[in-house]
Amino acid sequence: MTRIQVFDPPLCCSTGVCGTEVDQRLVTFAADAAWAARHGVTVERFNLAQQPMAFAERPSVREFLERAGPEGLPLVLQDDVIAMSGRYPTRAELAAWAGVRLPPSRALPLAGA
């Protein structure tokens, strides 16, 4: 099964979903990562503030940080290959990488569509 590793920028806690002003992108990604895990995808997260050795021990991550700096995070690896950087993947991207089928959208059609 697919393994997704997310190298987060420095966050106050392991998910960044804490404190008084929570970033909605982190909330959404935490929910999407939990969804992927329920579908058999291994999702690991590493926080630069709390786990700096995880960044230093992986050559591709270390080289990325040397080039882009922490401003380029998050960095996402899919099966040890860089898949994206600078933003968190969507649920659809996680599903596509892992070969997991998304349920049909329950969104209502747009008026006039």
N, C-alpha and C. Protein backbone atom coordinates (compact mmCIF):
# COMPACT_ATOMS: atom_id res chain seq x y z
N MET A 1 0.85 -1.19 0.00
CA MET A 1 0.00 0.00 0.00
C MET A 1 0.89 1.24 0.00
N THR A 2 0.33 2.32 -0.43
CA THR A 2 1.04 3.59 -0.55
C THR A 2 1.39 4.16 0.82
N ARG A 3 2.57 4.80 0.87
CA ARG A 3 2.99 5.49 2.09
C ARG A 3 3.18 6.96 1.74
N ILE A 4 2.50 7.82 2.47
CA ILE A 4 2.61 9.27 2.30
C ILE A 4 3.33 9.82 3.53
N GLN A 5 4.37 10.61 3.29
CA GLN A 5 5.08 11.27 4.38
C GLN A 5 4.98 12.77 4.15
N VAL A 6 4.57 13.47 5.19
CA VAL A 6 4.38 14.91 5.11
C VAL A 6 5.37 15.57 6.08
N PHE A 7 6.20 16.44 5.54
CA PHE A 7 7.18 17.17 6.32
C PHE A 7 6.64 18.59 6.50
N ASP A 8 6.08 18.81 7.69
CA ASP A 8 5.40 20.06 8.00
C ASP A 8 6.39 21.16 8.37
N PRO A 9 5.98 22.42 8.17
CA PRO A 9 6.77 23.53 8.72
C PRO A 9 6.68 23.48 10.24
N PRO A 10 7.43 24.31 10.93
CA PRO A 10 7.33 24.31 12.39
C PRO A 10 5.90 24.61 12.83
N LEU A 11 5.32 23.70 13.60
CA LEU A 11 3.96 23.84 14.11
C LEU A 11 4.00 23.73 15.63
N CYS A 12 2.96 24.25 16.27
CA CYS A 12 2.92 24.23 17.74
C CYS A 12 2.67 22.84 18.31
N CYS A 13 2.09 21.95 17.51
CA CYS A 13 1.83 20.58 17.94
C CYS A 13 1.97 19.67 16.73
N SER A 14 1.73 18.40 16.89
CA SER A 14 1.98 17.45 15.81
C SER A 14 1.13 17.69 14.56
N THR A 15 -0.06 18.26 14.72
CA THR A 15 -0.93 18.49 13.56
C THR A 15 -1.11 19.97 13.23
N GLY A 16 -0.78 20.84 14.16
CA GLY A 16 -1.02 22.27 13.97
C GLY A 16 -2.45 22.66 14.23
N VAL A 17 -3.28 21.70 14.61
CA VAL A 17 -4.69 21.97 14.87
C VAL A 17 -4.85 22.20 16.37
N CYS A 18 -4.36 23.33 16.81
CA CYS A 18 -4.41 23.68 18.23
C CYS A 18 -4.27 25.20 18.34
N GLY A 19 -4.38 25.71 19.52
CA GLY A 19 -4.26 27.15 19.71
C GLY A 19 -5.57 27.87 19.45
N THR A 20 -5.50 29.18 19.50
CA THR A 20 -6.71 29.98 19.36
C THR A 20 -7.07 30.30 17.91
N GLU A 21 -6.07 30.36 17.03
CA GLU A 21 -6.33 30.66 15.62
C GLU A 21 -5.83 29.50 14.77
N VAL A 22 -6.72 28.58 14.48
CA VAL A 22 -6.37 27.37 13.75
C VAL A 22 -6.47 27.64 12.25
N ASP A 23 -5.44 27.21 11.51
CA ASP A 23 -5.41 27.34 10.06
C ASP A 23 -6.35 26.29 9.45
N GLN A 24 -7.35 26.72 8.72
CA GLN A 24 -8.34 25.78 8.14
C GLN A 24 -7.68 24.77 7.23
N ARG A 25 -6.59 25.13 6.55
CA ARG A 25 -5.89 24.16 5.69
C ARG A 25 -5.38 22.98 6.49
N LEU A 26 -4.92 23.24 7.72
CA LEU A 26 -4.43 22.16 8.58
C LEU A 26 -5.57 21.27 9.06
N VAL A 27 -6.70 21.89 9.37
CA VAL A 27 -7.88 21.13 9.79
C VAL A 27 -8.33 20.21 8.65
N THR A 28 -8.41 20.76 7.45
CA THR A 28 -8.84 19.99 6.30
C THR A 28 -7.87 18.85 6.02
N PHE A 29 -6.56 19.15 6.04
CA PHE A 29 -5.60 18.09 5.77
C PHE A 29 -5.63 17.01 6.84
N ALA A 30 -5.78 17.39 8.10
CA ALA A 30 -5.86 16.39 9.17
C ALA A 30 -7.04 15.44 8.92
N ALA A 31 -8.17 15.98 8.50
CA ALA A 31 -9.34 15.15 8.20
C ALA A 31 -9.08 14.27 6.98
N ASP A 32 -8.45 14.83 5.95
CA ASP A 32 -8.17 14.05 4.74
C ASP A 32 -7.14 12.95 5.02
N ALA A 33 -6.14 13.23 5.85
CA ALA A 33 -5.14 12.22 6.22
C ALA A 33 -5.79 11.10 7.02
N ALA A 34 -6.70 11.45 7.92
CA ALA A 34 -7.42 10.43 8.70
C ALA A 34 -8.28 9.57 7.77
N TRP A 35 -8.93 10.20 6.79
CA TRP A 35 -9.73 9.47 5.81
C TRP A 35 -8.85 8.48 5.05
N ALA A 36 -7.68 8.95 4.59
CA ALA A 36 -6.76 8.08 3.84
C ALA A 36 -6.30 6.91 4.71
N ALA A 37 -5.99 7.18 5.97
CA ALA A 37 -5.55 6.12 6.87
C ALA A 37 -6.64 5.06 7.06
N ARG A 38 -7.90 5.51 7.13
CA ARG A 38 -9.02 4.56 7.25
C ARG A 38 -9.14 3.67 6.01
N HIS A 39 -8.57 4.13 4.90
CA HIS A 39 -8.61 3.37 3.65
C HIS A 39 -7.30 2.65 3.38
N GLY A 40 -6.50 2.45 4.42
CA GLY A 40 -5.29 1.64 4.31
C GLY A 40 -4.03 2.35 3.88
N VAL A 41 -4.08 3.67 3.74
CA VAL A 41 -2.90 4.44 3.34
C VAL A 41 -2.10 4.79 4.59
N THR A 42 -0.81 4.56 4.56
CA THR A 42 0.04 4.97 5.66
C THR A 42 0.37 6.44 5.47
N VAL A 43 -0.02 7.26 6.43
CA VAL A 43 0.25 8.70 6.40
C VAL A 43 1.07 9.04 7.63
N GLU A 44 2.29 9.52 7.40
CA GLU A 44 3.17 9.92 8.49
C GLU A 44 3.43 11.42 8.37
N ARG A 45 3.44 12.10 9.52
CA ARG A 45 3.72 13.53 9.52
C ARG A 45 4.91 13.80 10.42
N PHE A 46 5.75 14.73 9.98
CA PHE A 46 6.93 15.13 10.72
C PHE A 46 6.92 16.64 10.85
N ASN A 47 7.09 17.14 12.05
CA ASN A 47 7.03 18.56 12.36
C ASN A 47 8.46 19.07 12.53
N LEU A 48 8.84 20.07 11.75
CA LEU A 48 10.20 20.60 11.80
C LEU A 48 10.57 21.07 13.20
N ALA A 49 9.63 21.64 13.94
CA ALA A 49 9.92 22.14 15.28
C ALA A 49 10.13 21.02 16.29
N GLN A 50 9.46 19.91 16.10
CA GLN A 50 9.48 18.83 17.08
C GLN A 50 10.32 17.63 16.66
N GLN A 51 10.55 17.46 15.35
CA GLN A 51 11.28 16.29 14.86
C GLN A 51 12.32 16.69 13.80
N PRO A 52 13.24 17.57 14.14
CA PRO A 52 14.20 18.04 13.13
C PRO A 52 15.07 16.93 12.56
N MET A 53 15.34 15.88 13.32
CA MET A 53 16.18 14.80 12.81
C MET A 53 15.51 14.04 11.67
N ALA A 54 14.19 13.98 11.66
CA ALA A 54 13.49 13.33 10.56
C ALA A 54 13.78 14.05 9.24
N PHE A 55 13.98 15.36 9.31
CA PHE A 55 14.29 16.16 8.12
C PHE A 55 15.76 15.97 7.74
N ALA A 56 16.62 15.97 8.74
CA ALA A 56 18.07 15.89 8.50
C ALA A 56 18.49 14.51 8.01
N GLU A 57 17.80 13.47 8.42
CA GLU A 57 18.20 12.09 8.09
C GLU A 57 17.81 11.64 6.69
N ARG A 58 16.92 12.36 6.04
CA ARG A 58 16.48 11.97 4.70
C ARG A 58 17.13 12.91 3.68
N PRO A 59 18.01 12.38 2.83
CA PRO A 59 18.73 13.24 1.88
C PRO A 59 17.83 14.12 1.02
N SER A 60 16.74 13.56 0.48
CA SER A 60 15.89 14.36 -0.40
C SER A 60 15.23 15.51 0.36
N VAL A 61 14.86 15.26 1.61
CA VAL A 61 14.22 16.31 2.42
C VAL A 61 15.26 17.36 2.82
N ARG A 62 16.43 16.91 3.24
CA ARG A 62 17.50 17.83 3.61
C ARG A 62 17.89 18.73 2.43
N GLU A 63 18.04 18.13 1.25
CA GLU A 63 18.38 18.91 0.05
C GLU A 63 17.27 19.89 -0.30
N PHE A 64 16.04 19.47 -0.16
CA PHE A 64 14.92 20.38 -0.42
C PHE A 64 14.99 21.59 0.51
N LEU A 65 15.21 21.34 1.80
CA LEU A 65 15.29 22.44 2.77
C LEU A 65 16.46 23.37 2.47
N GLU A 66 17.57 22.82 2.01
CA GLU A 66 18.72 23.65 1.66
C GLU A 66 18.39 24.57 0.49
N ARG A 67 17.59 24.09 -0.47
CA ARG A 67 17.21 24.89 -1.63
C ARG A 67 16.06 25.86 -1.33
N ALA A 68 15.00 25.35 -0.74
CA ALA A 68 13.77 26.13 -0.59
C ALA A 68 13.61 26.76 0.78
N GLY A 69 14.31 26.24 1.78
CA GLY A 69 14.13 26.74 3.14
C GLY A 69 12.81 26.27 3.71
N PRO A 70 12.56 26.56 4.98
CA PRO A 70 11.31 26.12 5.60
C PRO A 70 10.08 26.77 4.99
N GLU A 71 10.28 27.86 4.25
CA GLU A 71 9.14 28.51 3.58
C GLU A 71 8.53 27.62 2.50
N GLY A 72 9.30 26.65 1.99
CA GLY A 72 8.82 25.74 0.96
C GLY A 72 7.99 24.59 1.49
N LEU A 73 7.93 24.44 2.80
CA LEU A 73 7.16 23.36 3.42
C LEU A 73 5.67 23.69 3.40
N PRO A 74 4.82 22.71 3.41
CA PRO A 74 5.07 21.30 3.61
C PRO A 74 5.65 20.64 2.35
N LEU A 75 6.43 19.58 2.59
CA LEU A 75 6.96 18.74 1.54
C LEU A 75 6.28 17.39 1.69
N VAL A 76 5.78 16.85 0.58
CA VAL A 76 5.03 15.59 0.64
C VAL A 76 5.75 14.55 -0.22
N LEU A 77 6.06 13.41 0.39
CA LEU A 77 6.66 12.29 -0.32
C LEU A 77 5.62 11.19 -0.49
N GLN A 78 5.60 10.61 -1.65
CA GLN A 78 4.77 9.43 -1.92
C GLN A 78 5.72 8.29 -2.18
N ASP A 79 5.72 7.31 -1.31
CA ASP A 79 6.63 6.17 -1.44
C ASP A 79 8.07 6.64 -1.65
N ASP A 80 8.50 7.60 -0.82
CA ASP A 80 9.86 8.13 -0.77
C ASP A 80 10.25 9.00 -1.96
N VAL A 81 9.30 9.40 -2.78
CA VAL A 81 9.55 10.28 -3.92
C VAL A 81 8.78 11.58 -3.69
N ILE A 82 9.43 12.71 -3.95
CA ILE A 82 8.76 14.00 -3.76
C ILE A 82 7.54 14.09 -4.68
N ALA A 83 6.39 14.30 -4.08
CA ALA A 83 5.13 14.40 -4.83
C ALA A 83 4.67 15.85 -4.97
N MET A 84 4.92 16.66 -3.94
CA MET A 84 4.53 18.08 -4.01
C MET A 84 5.17 18.83 -2.86
N SER A 85 5.14 20.15 -3.00
CA SER A 85 5.63 21.00 -1.91
C SER A 85 4.86 22.31 -1.92
N GLY A 86 4.91 22.99 -0.79
CA GLY A 86 4.30 24.30 -0.69
C GLY A 86 2.83 24.32 -0.30
N ARG A 87 2.19 23.16 -0.31
CA ARG A 87 0.79 23.06 0.09
C ARG A 87 0.51 21.62 0.48
N TYR A 88 -0.61 21.44 1.15
CA TYR A 88 -1.04 20.10 1.54
C TYR A 88 -1.85 19.47 0.42
N PRO A 89 -1.72 18.16 0.24
CA PRO A 89 -2.52 17.51 -0.80
C PRO A 89 -3.99 17.47 -0.43
N THR A 90 -4.82 17.43 -1.44
CA THR A 90 -6.26 17.31 -1.25
C THR A 90 -6.60 15.83 -1.03
N ARG A 91 -7.81 15.60 -0.60
CA ARG A 91 -8.28 14.22 -0.45
C ARG A 91 -8.24 13.51 -1.79
N ALA A 92 -8.61 14.21 -2.85
CA ALA A 92 -8.59 13.60 -4.19
C ALA A 92 -7.17 13.21 -4.59
N GLU A 93 -6.19 14.05 -4.27
CA GLU A 93 -4.80 13.71 -4.59
C GLU A 93 -4.32 12.51 -3.77
N LEU A 94 -4.65 12.49 -2.48
CA LEU A 94 -4.29 11.34 -1.65
C LEU A 94 -4.91 10.07 -2.22
N ALA A 95 -6.16 10.14 -2.60
CA ALA A 95 -6.86 8.98 -3.15
C ALA A 95 -6.21 8.52 -4.45
N ALA A 96 -5.88 9.46 -5.33
CA ALA A 96 -5.27 9.10 -6.61
C ALA A 96 -3.91 8.44 -6.40
N TRP A 97 -3.10 8.99 -5.51
CA TRP A 97 -1.78 8.40 -5.25
C TRP A 97 -1.89 6.99 -4.71
N ALA A 98 -2.90 6.76 -3.91
CA ALA A 98 -3.04 5.46 -3.25
C ALA A 98 -3.93 4.49 -4.02
N GLY A 99 -4.55 4.95 -5.10
CA GLY A 99 -5.45 4.09 -5.84
C GLY A 99 -6.74 3.79 -5.09
N VAL A 100 -7.15 4.74 -4.26
CA VAL A 100 -8.39 4.59 -3.49
C VAL A 100 -9.48 5.37 -4.21
N ARG A 101 -10.61 4.74 -4.37
CA ARG A 101 -11.72 5.40 -5.07
C ARG A 101 -12.46 6.33 -4.12
N LEU A 102 -12.68 7.56 -4.59
CA LEU A 102 -13.49 8.52 -3.82
C LEU A 102 -14.96 8.22 -4.03
N PRO A 103 -15.77 8.41 -3.00
CA PRO A 103 -17.21 8.25 -3.20
C PRO A 103 -17.72 9.36 -4.11
N PRO A 104 -18.83 9.13 -4.78
CA PRO A 104 -19.39 10.18 -5.64
C PRO A 104 -19.66 11.45 -4.83
N SER A 105 -19.51 12.57 -5.47
CA SER A 105 -19.75 13.85 -4.80
C SER A 105 -21.21 13.98 -4.43
N ARG A 106 -21.44 14.52 -3.27
CA ARG A 106 -22.82 14.78 -2.82
C ARG A 106 -23.19 16.24 -3.01
N ALA A 107 -22.34 16.97 -3.73
CA ALA A 107 -22.60 18.37 -3.95
C ALA A 107 -23.82 18.55 -4.84
N LEU A 108 -24.56 19.58 -4.57
CA LEU A 108 -25.71 19.90 -5.42
C LEU A 108 -25.22 20.57 -6.69
N PRO A 109 -25.89 20.32 -7.81
CA PRO A 109 -25.46 21.00 -9.05
C PRO A 109 -25.68 22.50 -8.93
N LEU A 110 -24.86 23.24 -9.63
CA LEU A 110 -25.00 24.71 -9.64
C LEU A 110 -26.28 25.09 -10.35
N ALA A 111 -26.88 26.19 -9.90
CA ALA A 111 -28.10 26.68 -10.53
C ALA A 111 -27.82 26.97 -12.01
N GLY A 112 -28.69 26.53 -12.86
CA GLY A 112 -28.53 26.77 -14.30
C GLY A 112 -27.57 25.82 -14.97
N ALA A 113 -27.03 24.85 -14.23
CA ALA A 113 -26.06 23.93 -14.84
C ALA A 113 -26.77 22.72 -15.40
